Amino acid sequence: MPTPVGPVPPDPNDPDLWDWGDDDAPRSRRSPWRVLVVGLVVLGLVLLLLASVL
């Protein structure tokens, strides 16, 4: 059977189409570990810049 050319329109009966996750418990995009790592990298770059200037 030949396949259609181009993108297939979404099937409205597909359960994954309507599964947007839990609305009751939104997940924070900023995890504490990610904030800590980014903060340490920024602090290290600032200290490296200060050490190269002095």
N, C-alpha and C. Protein backbone atom coordinates (compact mmCIF):
# COMPACT_ATOMS: atom_id res chain seq x y z
N MET A 1 0.85 -1.17 0.00
CA MET A 1 0.00 0.00 0.00
C MET A 1 0.89 1.24 0.00
N PRO A 2 0.66 2.19 -0.87
CA PRO A 2 1.52 3.38 -0.91
C PRO A 2 1.30 4.27 0.31
N THR A 3 2.37 4.94 0.71
CA THR A 3 2.27 5.85 1.85
C THR A 3 2.07 7.27 1.35
N PRO A 4 1.38 8.12 2.11
CA PRO A 4 1.18 9.50 1.68
C PRO A 4 2.48 10.29 1.76
N VAL A 5 2.58 11.26 0.90
CA VAL A 5 3.76 12.13 0.89
C VAL A 5 3.45 13.34 1.78
N GLY A 6 4.38 13.66 2.66
CA GLY A 6 4.21 14.81 3.55
C GLY A 6 3.78 14.38 4.94
N PRO A 7 3.59 15.34 5.82
CA PRO A 7 3.23 15.00 7.20
C PRO A 7 1.81 14.48 7.29
N VAL A 8 1.63 13.55 8.19
CA VAL A 8 0.31 12.95 8.40
C VAL A 8 -0.44 13.83 9.40
N PRO A 9 -1.69 14.16 9.14
CA PRO A 9 -2.44 14.96 10.12
C PRO A 9 -2.61 14.18 11.42
N PRO A 10 -2.62 14.88 12.57
CA PRO A 10 -2.75 14.18 13.84
C PRO A 10 -4.10 13.50 13.98
N ASP A 11 -4.06 12.33 14.59
CA ASP A 11 -5.27 11.56 14.83
C ASP A 11 -5.92 12.06 16.12
N PRO A 12 -7.15 12.60 16.08
CA PRO A 12 -7.77 13.10 17.32
C PRO A 12 -8.11 11.99 18.30
N ASN A 13 -8.12 10.74 17.87
CA ASN A 13 -8.41 9.63 18.77
C ASN A 13 -7.15 9.09 19.44
N ASP A 14 -5.98 9.65 19.12
CA ASP A 14 -4.73 9.21 19.70
C ASP A 14 -4.65 9.74 21.14
N PRO A 15 -4.49 8.87 22.15
CA PRO A 15 -4.46 9.37 23.54
C PRO A 15 -3.23 10.23 23.82
N ASP A 16 -2.13 10.01 23.10
CA ASP A 16 -0.93 10.83 23.33
C ASP A 16 -1.12 12.27 22.86
N LEU A 17 -2.04 12.49 21.93
CA LEU A 17 -2.28 13.84 21.44
C LEU A 17 -2.83 14.72 22.55
N TRP A 18 -3.63 14.15 23.43
CA TRP A 18 -4.27 14.93 24.48
C TRP A 18 -3.59 14.79 25.83
N ASP A 19 -2.51 14.01 25.93
CA ASP A 19 -1.83 13.79 27.20
C ASP A 19 -0.80 14.91 27.42
N TRP A 20 -1.18 15.89 28.21
CA TRP A 20 -0.29 17.02 28.48
C TRP A 20 0.38 16.90 29.84
N GLY A 21 0.23 15.79 30.51
CA GLY A 21 0.84 15.61 31.82
C GLY A 21 -0.09 16.02 32.93
N ASP A 22 0.42 16.03 34.16
CA ASP A 22 -0.37 16.41 35.32
C ASP A 22 -0.47 17.91 35.43
N ASP A 23 -1.70 18.42 35.44
CA ASP A 23 -1.89 19.85 35.65
C ASP A 23 -1.91 20.18 37.14
N ASP A 24 -2.17 19.18 37.97
CA ASP A 24 -2.25 19.42 39.41
C ASP A 24 -0.87 19.62 40.03
N ALA A 25 0.14 18.97 39.49
CA ALA A 25 1.49 19.06 40.06
C ALA A 25 2.47 19.51 38.98
N PRO A 26 2.53 20.82 38.72
CA PRO A 26 3.47 21.28 37.69
C PRO A 26 4.91 21.10 38.16
N ARG A 27 5.75 20.61 37.27
CA ARG A 27 7.15 20.36 37.59
C ARG A 27 7.95 21.62 37.36
N SER A 28 8.75 21.96 38.31
CA SER A 28 9.56 23.16 38.19
C SER A 28 10.63 22.96 37.13
N ARG A 29 10.80 23.97 36.28
CA ARG A 29 11.82 23.87 35.23
C ARG A 29 13.21 24.05 35.81
N ARG A 30 13.31 24.69 36.96
CA ARG A 30 14.61 24.92 37.59
C ARG A 30 14.78 23.97 38.76
N SER A 31 15.51 22.92 38.53
CA SER A 31 15.77 22.01 39.63
C SER A 31 16.88 22.61 40.50
N PRO A 32 16.90 22.31 41.78
CA PRO A 32 17.93 22.88 42.66
C PRO A 32 19.36 22.52 42.23
N TRP A 33 19.56 21.32 41.71
CA TRP A 33 20.91 20.94 41.27
C TRP A 33 21.36 21.76 40.07
N ARG A 34 20.44 22.03 39.15
CA ARG A 34 20.81 22.80 37.97
C ARG A 34 21.17 24.24 38.35
N VAL A 35 20.40 24.83 39.27
CA VAL A 35 20.69 26.19 39.72
C VAL A 35 22.04 26.23 40.44
N LEU A 36 22.33 25.22 41.25
CA LEU A 36 23.60 25.16 41.97
C LEU A 36 24.77 25.03 41.01
N VAL A 37 24.66 24.17 40.03
CA VAL A 37 25.76 23.97 39.07
C VAL A 37 25.99 25.23 38.24
N VAL A 38 24.92 25.85 37.77
CA VAL A 38 25.07 27.08 36.98
C VAL A 38 25.67 28.18 37.84
N GLY A 39 25.26 28.28 39.08
CA GLY A 39 25.82 29.28 39.99
C GLY A 39 27.31 29.07 40.23
N LEU A 40 27.72 27.83 40.41
CA LEU A 40 29.13 27.53 40.62
C LEU A 40 29.96 27.83 39.38
N VAL A 41 29.41 27.54 38.20
CA VAL A 41 30.14 27.83 36.96
C VAL A 41 30.30 29.34 36.79
N VAL A 42 29.25 30.10 37.05
CA VAL A 42 29.32 31.56 36.94
C VAL A 42 30.31 32.11 37.96
N LEU A 43 30.27 31.63 39.17
CA LEU A 43 31.20 32.08 40.20
C LEU A 43 32.64 31.76 39.81
N GLY A 44 32.87 30.57 39.27
CA GLY A 44 34.21 30.22 38.82
C GLY A 44 34.70 31.11 37.69
N LEU A 45 33.82 31.44 36.76
CA LEU A 45 34.22 32.33 35.66
C LEU A 45 34.52 33.74 36.16
N VAL A 46 33.73 34.22 37.12
CA VAL A 46 34.00 35.55 37.68
C VAL A 46 35.32 35.55 38.42
N LEU A 47 35.59 34.51 39.20
CA LEU A 47 36.87 34.44 39.91
C LEU A 47 38.05 34.33 38.94
N LEU A 48 37.87 33.58 37.86
CA LEU A 48 38.93 33.47 36.85
C LEU A 48 39.17 34.82 36.18
N LEU A 49 38.12 35.55 35.91
CA LEU A 49 38.27 36.89 35.32
C LEU A 49 38.98 37.83 36.27
N LEU A 50 38.60 37.80 37.55
CA LEU A 50 39.27 38.65 38.53
C LEU A 50 40.73 38.28 38.69
N ALA A 51 41.05 36.99 38.66
CA ALA A 51 42.44 36.56 38.82
C ALA A 51 43.28 36.98 37.61
N SER A 52 42.68 37.01 36.43
CA SER A 52 43.46 37.39 35.25
C SER A 52 43.67 38.91 35.17
N VAL A 53 42.75 39.68 35.76
CA VAL A 53 42.88 41.14 35.73
C VAL A 53 43.89 41.60 36.77
N LEU A 54 43.89 40.96 37.92
CA LEU A 54 44.80 41.39 39.00
C LEU A 54 46.21 40.91 38.83
